[in-house]
């Protein structure tokens, strides 16, 4: 774990077993109170160091892959919000 500030921030390294030793990404999650709700912001960075041909990128160019990854995170967060 790279950062842990309860109620504020969680950051950790993320990698697949198929990544080379020098390949890794980082997930940075921030929590912000907005009235009675909490805004959750997720950044999953470091994908520019993972080759386009790697299975984790599904062959997508970086910009398209980042859009797809954002859709994935939005879906995960939505399911958490609804409790599914």
C-alpha atoms as a PDB file:
ATOM      1  CA  UNK A   1       0.000   0.000   0.000  1.00  0.00           C
ATOM      2  CA  UNK A   2       1.468   3.351  -0.988  1.00  0.00           C
ATOM      3  CA  UNK A   3      -0.903   5.683   0.856  1.00  0.00           C
ATOM      4  CA  UNK A   4      -3.625   5.112   3.422  1.00  0.00           C
ATOM      5  CA  UNK A   5      -5.385   8.088   4.978  1.00  0.00           C
ATOM      6  CA  UNK A   6      -8.666   6.676   6.370  1.00  0.00           C
ATOM      7  CA  UNK A   7     -11.659   8.509   4.968  1.00  0.00           C
ATOM      8  CA  UNK A   8      -9.473  10.485   2.539  1.00  0.00           C
ATOM      9  CA  UNK A   9      -7.202   8.431   0.317  1.00  0.00           C
ATOM     10  CA  UNK A  10      -6.095   4.932  -0.593  1.00  0.00           C
ATOM     11  CA  UNK A  11      -3.325   4.341  -3.138  1.00  0.00           C
ATOM     12  CA  UNK A  12      -1.741   1.033  -4.076  1.00  0.00           C
ATOM     13  CA  UNK A  13       0.276  -0.598  -6.809  1.00  0.00           C
ATOM     14  CA  UNK A  14      -1.588  -2.900  -9.176  1.00  0.00           C
ATOM     15  CA  UNK A  15      -0.125  -5.428 -11.554  1.00  0.00           C
ATOM     16  CA  UNK A  16      -1.038  -8.606 -13.344  1.00  0.00           C
ATOM     17  CA  UNK A  17       1.078 -11.747 -12.948  1.00  0.00           C
ATOM     18  CA  UNK A  18       1.909 -11.431 -16.651  1.00  0.00           C
ATOM     19  CA  UNK A  19       3.502  -7.989 -16.197  1.00  0.00           C
ATOM     20  CA  UNK A  20       7.277  -7.852 -16.447  1.00  0.00           C
ATOM     21  CA  UNK A  21       9.070  -7.041 -13.160  1.00  0.00           C
ATOM     22  CA  UNK A  22       9.410  -3.359 -14.119  1.00  0.00           C
ATOM     23  CA  UNK A  23       5.753  -3.020 -15.168  1.00  0.00           C
ATOM     24  CA  UNK A  24       3.131  -1.831 -12.710  1.00  0.00           C
ATOM     25  CA  UNK A  25       0.221   0.570 -12.497  1.00  0.00           C
ATOM     26  CA  UNK A  26      -1.110   2.551  -9.559  1.00  0.00           C
ATOM     27  CA  UNK A  27      -4.673   2.939  -8.328  1.00  0.00           C
ATOM     28  CA  UNK A  28      -5.325   6.145  -6.377  1.00  0.00           C
ATOM     29  CA  UNK A  29      -8.749   6.489  -4.726  1.00  0.00           C
ATOM     30  CA  UNK A  30      -9.841   9.706  -3.015  1.00  0.00           C
ATOM     31  CA  UNK A  31     -12.893  10.281  -0.857  1.00  0.00           C
ATOM     32  CA  UNK A  32     -14.473  13.716  -0.465  1.00  0.00           C
ATOM     33  CA  UNK A  33     -17.491  14.563   1.681  1.00  0.00           C
ATOM     34  CA  UNK A  34     -20.145  16.428  -0.298  1.00  0.00           C
ATOM     35  CA  UNK A  35     -23.003  17.156   2.100  1.00  0.00           C
ATOM     36  CA  UNK A  36     -24.414  13.812   3.235  1.00  0.00           C
ATOM     37  CA  UNK A  37     -22.741  11.972   0.345  1.00  0.00           C
ATOM     38  CA  UNK A  38     -19.194  11.023  -0.571  1.00  0.00           C
ATOM     39  CA  UNK A  39     -17.517  11.709  -3.893  1.00  0.00           C
ATOM     40  CA  UNK A  40     -15.175   8.878  -4.847  1.00  0.00           C
ATOM     41  CA  UNK A  41     -12.488   9.675  -7.422  1.00  0.00           C
ATOM     42  CA  UNK A  42     -10.430   6.855  -8.925  1.00  0.00           C
ATOM     43  CA  UNK A  43      -7.273   7.309 -10.967  1.00  0.00           C
ATOM     44  CA  UNK A  44      -5.669   4.192 -12.404  1.00  0.00           C
ATOM     45  CA  UNK A  45      -2.445   5.392 -13.948  1.00  0.00           C
ATOM     46  CA  UNK A  46       0.722   3.950 -15.383  1.00  0.00           C
ATOM     47  CA  UNK A  47      -0.798   2.235 -18.383  1.00  0.00           C
ATOM     48  CA  UNK A  48       1.473   4.155 -20.741  1.00  0.00           C
ATOM     49  CA  UNK A  49       4.285   1.851 -19.516  1.00  0.00           C
ATOM     50  CA  UNK A  50       2.328  -1.264 -20.522  1.00  0.00           C
ATOM     51  CA  UNK A  51       2.760  -2.131 -24.220  1.00  0.00           C
ATOM     52  CA  UNK A  52      -0.301  -1.941 -26.453  1.00  0.00           C
ATOM     53  CA  UNK A  53       0.225  -5.596 -27.425  1.00  0.00           C
ATOM     54  CA  UNK A  54       0.035  -6.773 -23.786  1.00  0.00           C
ATOM     55  CA  UNK A  55      -3.111  -8.826 -23.116  1.00  0.00           C
ATOM     56  CA  UNK A  56      -4.133  -6.414 -20.335  1.00  0.00           C
ATOM     57  CA  UNK A  57      -4.538  -3.625 -22.891  1.00  0.00           C
ATOM     58  CA  UNK A  58      -6.513  -5.823 -25.307  1.00  0.00           C
ATOM     59  CA  UNK A  59      -4.585  -4.293 -28.209  1.00  0.00           C
ATOM     60  CA  UNK A  60      -6.179  -0.868 -27.714  1.00  0.00           C
ATOM     61  CA  UNK A  61      -4.264   2.341 -28.303  1.00  0.00           C
ATOM     62  CA  UNK A  62      -3.653   4.159 -25.013  1.00  0.00           C
ATOM     63  CA  UNK A  63      -6.404   6.793 -25.351  1.00  0.00           C
ATOM     64  CA  UNK A  64      -9.077   4.253 -26.248  1.00  0.00           C
ATOM     65  CA  UNK A  65      -7.871   1.866 -23.546  1.00  0.00           C
ATOM     66  CA  UNK A  66      -8.058   4.631 -20.936  1.00  0.00           C
ATOM     67  CA  UNK A  67     -11.653   5.369 -21.977  1.00  0.00           C
ATOM     68  CA  UNK A  68     -12.553   1.697 -21.676  1.00  0.00           C
ATOM     69  CA  UNK A  69     -10.839   1.493 -18.284  1.00  0.00           C
ATOM     70  CA  UNK A  70     -12.782   4.562 -17.102  1.00  0.00           C
ATOM     71  CA  UNK A  71     -16.023   2.834 -18.167  1.00  0.00           C
ATOM     72  CA  UNK A  72     -14.959  -0.238 -16.192  1.00  0.00           C
ATOM     73  CA  UNK A  73     -14.279   1.811 -13.022  1.00  0.00           C
ATOM     74  CA  UNK A  74     -17.583   3.710 -13.414  1.00  0.00           C
ATOM     75  CA  UNK A  75     -19.415   0.394 -13.639  1.00  0.00           C
ATOM     76  CA  UNK A  76     -17.676  -0.957 -10.533  1.00  0.00           C
ATOM     77  CA  UNK A  77     -18.431   2.190  -8.545  1.00  0.00           C
ATOM     78  CA  UNK A  78     -22.060   2.205  -9.725  1.00  0.00           C
ATOM     79  CA  UNK A  79     -22.508  -1.378  -8.524  1.00  0.00           C
ATOM     80  CA  UNK A  80     -21.028  -0.421  -5.150  1.00  0.00           C
ATOM     81  CA  UNK A  81     -23.399   2.536  -4.938  1.00  0.00           C
ATOM     82  CA  UNK A  82     -26.447   0.378  -5.594  1.00  0.00           C
ATOM     83  CA  UNK A  83     -25.205  -2.521  -3.500  1.00  0.00           C
ATOM     84  CA  UNK A  84     -25.229  -5.026  -6.375  1.00  0.00           C
END
